[in-house]
Amino acid sequence: MSDQIFEYLLERKLGFGKHQLRQFFIISFIDFLDGAEFLFLSLLTPTLKQEWNLSIVELSIFGGSFNLGLMIGSTICGFLADKIGRKRILIIGTVLQTGVVFLTVFAQNILQMILLRLTYGTVIGMNLPISSILMIEVTPKLHRGKIIVALQIMILLGRCWIMILGYIFMEGISKGNWRAISLCNSMPCLFCLIGTIFWIQESPRFLILHQEIQKGIDNLNNIGQFNNSDYEMLTDNEILSLKEWASEQHLHHQQENNSIKQLFNSENLPITWRNYLIFFLFMFTMLAIFNILPFILDDENKSLLHLYIVDIGEIPAIFLMLYSIDTFGRLSTLLLSTTLLIIILFSIWVWKFQIIIMGLIIFKFCCKINWGTLNVLFAESYHTLYRSLGVGTTMAMGRIAGSLAPFVVFPIYFNNNYLPFLICGVCSFFMLILLISYPIDLTKKPLDQLKKQ
């Protein structure tokens, strides 16, 4: 039983309950703030362009700085979280996050703002992969997909938070008191920091695999006791099985442990290069359109309300994901969503302003499904010993695309408003081809299974 002891304990003994829900509630504020930031940038970018009279170059650098920071943060997370632990990275990230959001209130010029967005992107890039990884590593396999998708609800709530603040402090898409919005946004940052310090536990799976056996066992017992008042402590046989499981995992991975080489060995190479390309193409597509979204609505004489209406597509996407991700599987969900994404991008390019609002709603619908499902697919594809490294470097590849997107899309947009939709449709088509050939789908299957020889 040692090869599946961890899954057995999670499903049969610890169960899914108050611990996972409490951890979800705290961690979800990371995704809440991520969602808030993206909509805040949609308001901030055109506002700063008008308020500070920014050039296209300055606008592109500003638009790319946040994603460049996300790339740096994802890389830091990837290399450090598998060595020093998930919780430590999360604490460092949330401390910096709170400080940067507060300092944004006092930015006086575009250089300061670029540096702050770069730093904020870095800390968000550190935190985001950890939020999914921590939940995946303590959640029974039957609930893994749904719990990660549920984090997407918090992204939507984060945007609702900015919508409320926008109605209070903004006069339009490109005019208003963005400093007040930033100040209000520091409050959920502070809550996330406090919750992380006092109530988040280190992943027991991580601890046991890093030879901190007793700490891992203590954490497992704490989870069990918190979930169930009648919980019985781990037996000697179960502890022995955990030790045997850890030894087997280390024996299998010992030659490449704690090295990026493990992502490119014969077992992982087919996964890694696809992950990198899929996320690069997806993030370029999503962020290229997100960058021009407020401008295209403004050019079409749409109001702030229309900017918010576009987000409606994310609501049914979340509920569809909650059903489909475990019912049909990760890959099937992605294939259907990406196909629809291609169709709508080409449709907007052809029919332009005639379908722009409905088209963007469907675009957001598809992006939300892809974003949530890809997070699960990537995290499940790698072993615990290097899950953060795999997910972090994959996220970094996507953030590189996000950093490049403004430099590509703004010059194109200001010459031809709808050409970016054609370009993104082509990118999505290549992404679909990669998904069709994806080699693994761990829907409702155990993590960290050794490959049978």
Protein backbone atom coordinates (compact mmCIF):
# COMPACT_ATOMS: atom_id res chain seq x y z
CA MET A 1 0.00 0.00 0.00
CA SER A 2 3.03 2.30 0.43
CA ASP A 3 2.95 3.48 -3.19
CA GLN A 4 -0.48 5.06 -2.66
CA ILE A 5 -0.38 5.67 1.08
CA PHE A 6 -0.70 9.43 0.81
CA GLU A 7 -3.80 9.28 -1.37
CA TYR A 8 -5.25 6.62 0.94
CA LEU A 9 -4.76 8.81 4.01
CA LEU A 10 -6.22 11.89 2.33
CA GLU A 11 -9.29 10.06 1.10
CA ARG A 12 -10.04 7.52 3.82
CA LYS A 13 -8.62 8.97 7.02
CA LEU A 14 -8.16 12.74 6.86
CA GLY A 15 -10.97 13.42 4.42
CA PHE A 16 -12.08 16.71 2.95
CA GLY A 17 -13.33 19.15 5.53
CA LYS A 18 -12.69 22.20 7.67
CA HIS A 19 -8.92 22.28 7.18
CA GLN A 20 -9.12 22.40 3.40
CA LEU A 21 -11.92 24.96 3.54
CA ARG A 22 -10.02 27.22 5.94
CA GLN A 23 -6.87 26.97 3.86
CA PHE A 24 -8.90 27.60 0.72
CA PHE A 25 -10.47 30.71 2.24
CA ILE A 26 -7.10 32.24 3.13
CA ILE A 27 -5.27 31.22 -0.04
CA SER A 28 -8.17 32.36 -2.20
CA PHE A 29 -7.35 35.98 -1.35
CA ILE A 30 -4.25 35.59 -3.53
CA ASP A 31 -6.50 34.84 -6.47
CA PHE A 32 -8.90 37.55 -5.32
CA LEU A 33 -6.08 40.08 -5.56
CA ASP A 34 -4.97 38.71 -8.91
CA GLY A 35 -8.45 39.23 -10.31
CA ALA A 36 -8.62 42.68 -8.76
CA GLU A 37 -5.27 43.64 -10.27
CA PHE A 38 -6.23 42.74 -13.84
CA LEU A 39 -9.36 44.86 -13.77
CA PHE A 40 -7.54 47.63 -11.91
CA LEU A 41 -4.97 47.70 -14.72
CA SER A 42 -7.82 47.99 -17.24
CA LEU A 43 -8.84 51.18 -15.46
CA LEU A 44 -5.34 52.38 -14.61
CA THR A 45 -3.78 52.08 -18.08
CA PRO A 46 -6.09 54.46 -20.00
CA THR A 47 -6.33 56.75 -16.96
CA LEU A 48 -2.56 57.15 -16.68
CA LYS A 49 -2.27 57.57 -20.45
CA GLN A 50 -4.54 60.58 -20.21
CA GLU A 51 -3.44 61.90 -16.81
CA TRP A 52 0.31 61.63 -17.46
CA ASN A 53 0.15 61.98 -21.27
CA LEU A 54 1.98 58.69 -21.91
CA SER A 55 3.49 57.74 -25.25
CA ILE A 56 2.90 54.35 -26.88
CA VAL A 57 6.38 53.26 -25.76
CA GLU A 58 5.71 54.26 -22.14
CA LEU A 59 2.32 52.59 -22.32
CA SER A 60 3.89 49.39 -23.64
CA ILE A 61 6.57 49.34 -20.94
CA PHE A 62 3.96 49.97 -18.27
CA GLY A 63 1.70 47.25 -19.69
CA GLY A 64 4.57 44.78 -19.85
CA SER A 65 6.09 45.56 -16.44
CA PHE A 66 3.47 43.71 -14.42
CA ASN A 67 3.81 40.57 -16.53
CA LEU A 68 7.59 40.81 -16.49
CA GLY A 69 7.31 40.84 -12.71
CA LEU A 70 5.00 37.83 -12.85
CA MET A 71 7.63 36.00 -14.89
CA ILE A 72 10.35 36.83 -12.36
CA GLY A 73 8.14 35.83 -9.44
CA SER A 74 7.07 32.56 -11.06
CA THR A 75 10.71 31.68 -11.65
CA ILE A 76 11.65 32.50 -8.05
CA CYS A 77 8.75 30.39 -6.84
CA GLY A 78 9.74 27.52 -9.09
CA PHE A 79 13.31 27.32 -7.86
CA LEU A 80 12.77 28.09 -4.17
CA ALA A 81 9.40 26.65 -3.16
CA ASP A 82 10.58 23.08 -3.77
CA LYS A 83 13.59 23.75 -1.53
CA ILE A 84 12.55 26.04 1.32
CA GLY A 85 8.85 25.24 1.40
CA ARG A 86 5.54 26.55 0.13
CA LYS A 87 4.57 28.50 3.26
CA ARG A 88 7.82 30.45 3.53
CA ILE A 89 7.52 31.68 -0.04
CA LEU A 90 3.90 32.61 0.62
CA ILE A 91 4.77 34.64 3.72
CA ILE A 92 7.55 36.53 1.92
CA GLY A 93 5.23 37.21 -1.00
CA THR A 94 2.28 38.44 1.05
CA VAL A 95 4.48 40.78 3.13
CA LEU A 96 5.88 42.39 -0.02
CA GLN A 97 2.47 42.42 -1.67
CA THR A 98 0.90 44.43 1.12
CA GLY A 99 3.71 46.97 1.09
CA VAL A 100 3.74 47.48 -2.68
CA VAL A 101 -0.01 47.97 -2.97
CA PHE A 102 0.12 50.62 -0.26
CA LEU A 103 3.09 52.41 -1.87
CA THR A 104 1.26 52.56 -5.21
CA VAL A 105 -0.98 55.22 -3.69
CA PHE A 106 1.97 57.61 -3.60
CA ALA A 107 3.38 57.06 -7.13
CA GLN A 108 4.10 60.39 -8.82
CA ASN A 109 5.37 59.46 -12.29
CA ILE A 110 5.45 56.63 -14.80
CA LEU A 111 8.91 55.42 -13.75
CA GLN A 112 7.78 54.92 -10.16
CA MET A 113 4.62 53.22 -11.36
CA ILE A 114 6.54 50.85 -13.65
CA LEU A 115 8.85 49.85 -10.79
CA LEU A 116 5.89 49.29 -8.47
CA ARG A 117 3.99 47.23 -11.06
CA LEU A 118 7.15 45.22 -11.72
CA THR A 119 7.56 44.51 -8.01
CA TYR A 120 3.89 43.75 -7.51
CA GLY A 121 3.96 41.38 -10.45
CA THR A 122 6.95 39.63 -8.90
CA VAL A 123 5.22 38.96 -5.60
CA ILE A 124 1.97 37.90 -7.28
CA GLY A 125 4.05 35.63 -9.50
CA MET A 126 5.54 34.05 -6.39
CA ASN A 127 2.18 33.59 -4.69
CA LEU A 128 -0.11 32.41 -7.49
CA PRO A 129 1.51 29.02 -8.22
CA ILE A 130 1.72 28.31 -4.48
CA SER A 131 -2.00 28.86 -4.00
CA SER A 132 -2.84 26.03 -6.39
CA ILE A 133 0.00 23.76 -5.25
CA LEU A 134 -0.83 24.01 -1.56
CA MET A 135 -4.46 23.12 -2.22
CA ILE A 136 -3.66 20.26 -4.59
CA GLU A 137 -1.21 18.66 -2.17
CA VAL A 138 -3.68 18.40 0.74
CA THR A 139 -6.90 17.70 -1.17
CA PRO A 140 -8.24 14.20 -1.96
CA LYS A 141 -8.09 13.37 -5.66
CA LEU A 142 -11.87 13.43 -6.12
CA HIS A 143 -11.97 17.07 -5.01
CA ARG A 144 -8.72 18.40 -6.51
CA GLY A 145 -10.16 19.72 -9.74
CA LYS A 146 -13.16 21.40 -8.16
CA ILE A 147 -11.20 23.08 -5.37
CA ILE A 148 -8.75 24.67 -7.82
CA VAL A 149 -11.57 25.77 -10.09
CA ALA A 150 -13.30 27.26 -7.05
CA LEU A 151 -10.31 29.58 -6.69
CA GLN A 152 -11.48 31.13 -9.94
CA ILE A 153 -14.57 32.36 -8.12
CA MET A 154 -12.29 34.51 -6.00
CA ILE A 155 -10.71 35.98 -9.12
CA LEU A 156 -14.19 37.00 -10.21
CA LEU A 157 -14.97 38.39 -6.76
CA GLY A 158 -11.74 40.37 -6.95
CA ARG A 159 -12.98 41.96 -10.13
CA CYS A 160 -16.34 42.66 -8.53
CA TRP A 161 -14.44 44.40 -5.74
CA ILE A 162 -12.73 46.66 -8.28
CA MET A 163 -16.06 47.23 -10.03
CA ILE A 164 -17.51 48.53 -6.78
CA LEU A 165 -14.48 50.71 -6.15
CA GLY A 166 -14.60 51.88 -9.76
CA TYR A 167 -18.19 53.01 -9.43
CA ILE A 168 -17.25 54.92 -6.30
CA PHE A 169 -14.00 56.51 -7.43
CA MET A 170 -13.96 56.50 -11.27
CA GLU A 171 -15.77 58.94 -13.55
CA GLY A 172 -15.22 56.85 -16.68
CA ILE A 173 -12.89 54.32 -18.29
CA SER A 174 -10.05 56.84 -18.47
CA LYS A 175 -10.73 59.26 -15.62
CA GLY A 176 -10.98 58.95 -11.84
CA ASN A 177 -9.26 58.55 -8.47
CA TRP A 178 -7.12 55.46 -8.99
CA ARG A 179 -5.11 56.19 -5.83
CA ALA A 180 -8.17 55.62 -3.64
CA ILE A 181 -8.77 52.27 -5.36
CA SER A 182 -5.19 51.21 -4.65
CA LEU A 183 -5.49 52.21 -1.00
CA CYS A 184 -8.67 50.16 -0.59
CA ASN A 185 -6.96 47.23 -2.30
CA SER A 186 -4.35 47.06 0.46
CA MET A 187 -6.97 45.79 2.93
CA PRO A 188 -7.43 42.29 1.42
CA CYS A 189 -3.62 42.12 1.10
CA LEU A 190 -3.31 42.61 4.85
CA PHE A 191 -5.95 39.98 5.58
CA CYS A 192 -4.16 37.47 3.35
CA LEU A 193 -0.88 38.16 5.16
CA ILE A 194 -2.38 37.62 8.62
CA GLY A 195 -4.14 34.43 7.55
CA THR A 196 -1.00 33.01 5.95
CA ILE A 197 1.14 33.58 9.02
CA PHE A 198 -1.28 32.16 11.57
CA TRP A 199 -3.42 29.54 9.82
CA ILE A 200 -1.68 28.14 6.74
CA GLN A 201 0.19 24.87 7.29
CA GLU A 202 3.16 23.69 5.29
CA SER A 203 2.29 20.91 2.87
CA PRO A 204 2.77 17.56 4.68
CA ARG A 205 3.52 15.94 1.33
CA PHE A 206 6.39 18.41 0.87
CA LEU A 207 7.68 17.88 4.42
CA ILE A 208 7.72 14.09 4.22
CA LEU A 209 9.44 14.09 0.84
CA HIS A 210 12.07 16.48 2.21
CA GLN A 211 12.94 14.21 5.14
CA GLU A 212 11.00 16.22 7.73
CA ILE A 213 8.98 13.13 8.50
CA GLN A 214 7.80 14.03 11.99
CA LYS A 215 6.66 17.51 10.98
CA GLY A 216 4.78 16.00 8.06
CA ILE A 217 3.11 13.42 10.29
CA ASP A 218 2.20 16.13 12.81
CA ASN A 219 0.63 18.19 10.04
CA LEU A 220 -1.35 15.21 8.80
CA ASN A 221 -2.62 14.52 12.30
CA ASN A 222 -3.51 18.19 12.74
CA ILE A 223 -5.52 18.10 9.52
CA GLY A 224 -7.32 14.95 10.60
CA GLN A 225 -8.14 16.32 14.05
CA PHE A 226 -9.40 19.61 12.65
CA ASN A 227 -11.56 17.83 10.07
CA ASN A 228 -12.97 15.21 12.43
CA SER A 229 -13.22 15.25 16.22
CA ASP A 230 -13.22 11.41 16.21
CA TYR A 231 -10.01 11.22 14.20
CA GLU A 232 -7.54 8.52 15.23
CA MET A 233 -3.85 9.38 15.02
CA LEU A 234 -1.71 7.75 12.35
CA THR A 235 -0.73 4.21 13.28
CA ASP A 236 2.82 2.87 13.29
CA ASN A 237 2.07 0.91 10.13
CA GLU A 238 0.78 4.01 8.35
CA ILE A 239 3.83 6.00 9.42
CA LEU A 240 6.09 3.19 8.20
CA SER A 241 4.25 3.17 4.87
CA LEU A 242 4.77 6.93 4.56
CA LYS A 243 8.49 6.50 5.17
CA GLU A 244 8.67 3.71 2.60
CA TRP A 245 6.74 5.86 0.13
CA ALA A 246 9.17 8.76 0.62
CA SER A 247 12.15 6.43 0.18
CA GLU A 248 10.72 4.99 -3.03
CA GLN A 249 10.11 8.46 -4.43
CA HIS A 250 13.64 9.61 -3.61
CA LEU A 251 15.15 6.45 -5.04
CA HIS A 252 13.29 7.00 -8.29
CA HIS A 253 14.22 10.69 -8.56
CA GLN A 254 17.58 10.78 -6.78
CA GLN A 255 19.75 11.45 -9.82
CA GLU A 256 17.92 14.64 -10.73
CA ASN A 257 16.61 15.89 -7.40
CA ASN A 258 16.39 19.69 -7.00
CA SER A 259 17.49 20.35 -10.57
CA ILE A 260 15.73 21.82 -13.57
CA LYS A 261 17.09 18.84 -15.50
CA GLN A 262 14.28 16.75 -14.05
CA LEU A 263 11.78 18.75 -16.10
CA PHE A 264 13.54 17.65 -19.26
CA ASN A 265 14.22 13.99 -18.57
CA SER A 266 12.67 11.35 -20.82
CA GLU A 267 9.58 11.10 -18.60
CA ASN A 268 8.83 14.83 -18.31
CA LEU A 269 10.13 16.30 -21.57
CA PRO A 270 6.92 15.59 -23.55
CA ILE A 271 4.98 17.40 -20.82
CA THR A 272 7.34 20.30 -20.18
CA TRP A 273 7.82 21.61 -23.71
CA ARG A 274 4.09 21.41 -24.35
CA ASN A 275 3.32 23.20 -21.09
CA TYR A 276 5.71 26.00 -21.98
CA LEU A 277 4.33 26.50 -25.47
CA ILE A 278 0.67 26.12 -24.49
CA PHE A 279 0.92 28.67 -21.73
CA PHE A 280 3.00 31.05 -23.83
CA LEU A 281 0.39 31.03 -26.60
CA PHE A 282 -2.53 31.26 -24.19
CA MET A 283 -1.12 34.13 -22.15
CA PHE A 284 -0.13 36.07 -25.26
CA THR A 285 -3.65 35.69 -26.61
CA MET A 286 -5.38 36.58 -23.37
CA LEU A 287 -3.20 39.52 -22.40
CA ALA A 288 -2.98 40.96 -25.90
CA ILE A 289 -6.77 41.33 -25.91
CA PHE A 290 -6.89 42.40 -22.26
CA ASN A 291 -4.42 45.22 -22.99
CA ILE A 292 -6.47 46.69 -25.82
CA LEU A 293 -9.84 45.96 -24.21
CA PRO A 294 -10.36 49.34 -22.46
CA PHE A 295 -9.13 51.22 -25.53
CA ILE A 296 -11.36 49.39 -27.98
CA LEU A 297 -14.40 49.97 -25.76
CA ASP A 298 -13.48 53.62 -25.38
CA ASP A 299 -12.99 53.98 -29.15
CA GLU A 300 -16.41 52.41 -29.73
CA ASN A 301 -17.90 54.97 -27.31
CA LYS A 302 -18.71 52.34 -24.69
CA SER A 303 -19.03 53.23 -21.01
CA LEU A 304 -17.44 51.92 -17.83
CA LEU A 305 -20.51 49.70 -17.49
CA HIS A 306 -19.63 47.91 -20.74
CA LEU A 307 -16.15 47.17 -19.40
CA TYR A 308 -17.81 45.43 -16.47
CA ILE A 309 -20.43 43.68 -18.60
CA VAL A 310 -17.67 41.94 -20.54
CA ASP A 311 -16.75 40.10 -17.33
CA ILE A 312 -20.18 38.44 -17.28
CA GLY A 313 -18.77 35.63 -19.39
CA GLU A 314 -16.64 34.48 -16.48
CA ILE A 315 -19.62 33.63 -14.28
CA PRO A 316 -21.04 30.70 -16.32
CA ALA A 317 -17.47 29.64 -17.13
CA ILE A 318 -16.74 28.95 -13.48
CA PHE A 319 -19.87 26.85 -12.98
CA LEU A 320 -19.24 24.95 -16.20
CA MET A 321 -15.68 24.23 -15.06
CA LEU A 322 -16.88 22.96 -11.70
CA TYR A 323 -18.93 20.36 -13.55
CA SER A 324 -16.78 19.52 -16.55
CA ILE A 325 -13.28 19.41 -15.07
CA ASP A 326 -13.97 16.16 -13.20
CA THR A 327 -16.82 14.85 -15.36
CA PHE A 328 -15.18 15.14 -18.78
CA GLY A 329 -11.59 15.62 -17.65
CA ARG A 330 -9.03 18.39 -17.92
CA LEU A 331 -8.06 17.87 -21.55
CA SER A 332 -11.57 17.47 -22.94
CA THR A 333 -12.60 20.68 -21.20
CA LEU A 334 -9.62 22.52 -22.66
CA LEU A 335 -10.17 21.20 -26.17
CA LEU A 336 -13.79 22.36 -26.25
CA SER A 337 -13.01 25.75 -24.75
CA THR A 338 -10.05 26.44 -27.03
CA THR A 339 -12.07 25.50 -30.11
CA LEU A 340 -14.74 28.02 -29.11
CA LEU A 341 -12.02 30.59 -28.41
CA ILE A 342 -10.67 30.24 -31.95
CA ILE A 343 -14.13 30.63 -33.44
CA ILE A 344 -14.96 33.77 -31.50
CA LEU A 345 -11.62 35.47 -32.18
CA PHE A 346 -12.01 34.98 -35.92
CA SER A 347 -15.64 36.10 -35.68
CA ILE A 348 -14.69 39.38 -33.99
CA TRP A 349 -12.06 39.96 -36.66
CA VAL A 350 -14.66 39.45 -39.41
CA TRP A 351 -17.69 41.25 -37.94
CA LYS A 352 -15.83 43.79 -35.79
CA PHE A 353 -17.92 46.27 -33.76
CA GLN A 354 -21.17 44.52 -34.71
CA ILE A 355 -20.47 41.73 -32.22
CA ILE A 356 -17.77 43.31 -30.06
CA ILE A 357 -19.56 43.15 -26.69
CA MET A 358 -20.96 39.64 -27.09
CA GLY A 359 -17.71 38.50 -28.66
CA LEU A 360 -15.66 39.78 -25.74
CA ILE A 361 -18.04 38.16 -23.26
CA ILE A 362 -17.50 34.80 -24.98
CA PHE A 363 -13.76 35.49 -25.17
CA LYS A 364 -13.68 36.01 -21.39
CA PHE A 365 -15.77 32.86 -20.95
CA CYS A 366 -13.21 30.77 -22.84
CA CYS A 367 -10.21 32.40 -21.18
CA LYS A 368 -11.61 31.73 -17.72
CA ILE A 369 -12.14 28.04 -18.51
CA ASN A 370 -8.68 27.72 -20.03
CA TRP A 371 -6.97 29.57 -17.19
CA GLY A 372 -8.59 27.51 -14.44
CA THR A 373 -8.22 24.17 -16.18
CA LEU A 374 -4.62 24.75 -17.26
CA ASN A 375 -3.67 25.51 -13.66
CA VAL A 376 -4.95 22.11 -12.60
CA LEU A 377 -3.44 20.29 -15.58
CA PHE A 378 0.02 21.78 -15.08
CA ALA A 379 0.13 21.24 -11.31
CA GLU A 380 -0.97 17.61 -11.58
CA SER A 381 1.50 16.84 -14.35
CA TYR A 382 4.58 17.14 -12.13
CA HIS A 383 5.85 15.26 -9.09
CA THR A 384 5.79 16.90 -5.64
CA LEU A 385 9.60 16.97 -5.55
CA TYR A 386 9.63 19.45 -8.42
CA ARG A 387 6.00 20.54 -8.79
CA SER A 388 6.78 24.15 -7.90
CA LEU A 389 9.68 24.15 -10.33
CA GLY A 390 7.54 22.77 -13.14
CA VAL A 391 4.56 25.02 -12.49
CA GLY A 392 6.72 28.07 -11.74
CA THR A 393 8.76 27.85 -14.93
CA THR A 394 5.61 27.16 -16.95
CA MET A 395 4.01 30.26 -15.46
CA ALA A 396 7.19 32.18 -16.25
CA MET A 397 6.92 31.25 -19.92
CA GLY A 398 3.38 32.58 -19.98
CA ARG A 399 4.46 35.77 -18.27
CA ILE A 400 7.17 36.32 -20.88
CA ALA A 401 4.39 36.24 -23.44
CA GLY A 402 2.39 38.65 -21.32
CA SER A 403 5.36 41.02 -21.14
CA LEU A 404 5.79 40.95 -24.90
CA ALA A 405 2.09 41.32 -25.68
CA PRO A 406 1.80 45.11 -25.15
CA PHE A 407 4.82 45.80 -27.36
CA VAL A 408 3.25 43.72 -30.12
CA VAL A 409 -0.40 44.59 -29.74
CA PHE A 410 -0.39 48.36 -29.11
CA PRO A 411 1.38 49.36 -32.37
CA ILE A 412 -0.86 46.96 -34.29
CA TYR A 413 -4.02 48.15 -32.55
CA PHE A 414 -3.40 51.84 -33.15
CA ASN A 415 -3.02 51.08 -36.87
CA ASN A 416 -5.73 48.43 -37.23
CA ASN A 417 -8.12 48.00 -34.32
CA TYR A 418 -9.23 44.46 -35.10
CA LEU A 419 -6.09 42.83 -36.51
CA PRO A 420 -5.01 41.65 -33.00
CA PHE A 421 -8.04 39.34 -32.94
CA LEU A 422 -6.85 37.57 -36.10
CA ILE A 423 -3.33 37.17 -34.70
CA CYS A 424 -4.67 35.80 -31.42
CA GLY A 425 -6.95 33.42 -33.30
CA VAL A 426 -3.92 31.94 -35.06
CA CYS A 427 -2.07 31.59 -31.73
CA SER A 428 -5.08 29.79 -30.24
CA PHE A 429 -5.15 27.40 -33.20
CA PHE A 430 -1.56 26.33 -32.51
CA MET A 431 -2.45 25.94 -28.84
CA LEU A 432 -5.29 23.59 -29.82
CA ILE A 433 -2.88 21.41 -31.79
CA LEU A 434 -0.60 21.11 -28.76
CA LEU A 435 -3.51 20.19 -26.48
CA ILE A 436 -4.65 17.45 -28.86
CA SER A 437 -1.25 15.77 -28.46
CA TYR A 438 -0.95 16.31 -24.68
CA PRO A 439 0.32 13.05 -23.12
CA ILE A 440 -1.25 12.99 -19.62
CA ASP A 441 -4.50 13.71 -17.81
CA LEU A 442 -4.67 12.89 -14.09
CA THR A 443 -8.37 13.54 -13.63
CA LYS A 444 -9.37 11.68 -10.43
CA LYS A 445 -6.03 9.84 -10.40
CA PRO A 446 -3.37 9.77 -7.65
CA LEU A 447 -0.45 12.19 -7.68
CA ASP A 448 3.20 11.13 -7.51
CA GLN A 449 2.74 7.69 -8.99
CA LEU A 450 5.96 6.03 -10.04
CA LYS A 451 6.09 5.00 -13.66
CA LYS A 452 5.91 1.24 -14.00
CA GLN A 453 8.92 -0.24 -15.63
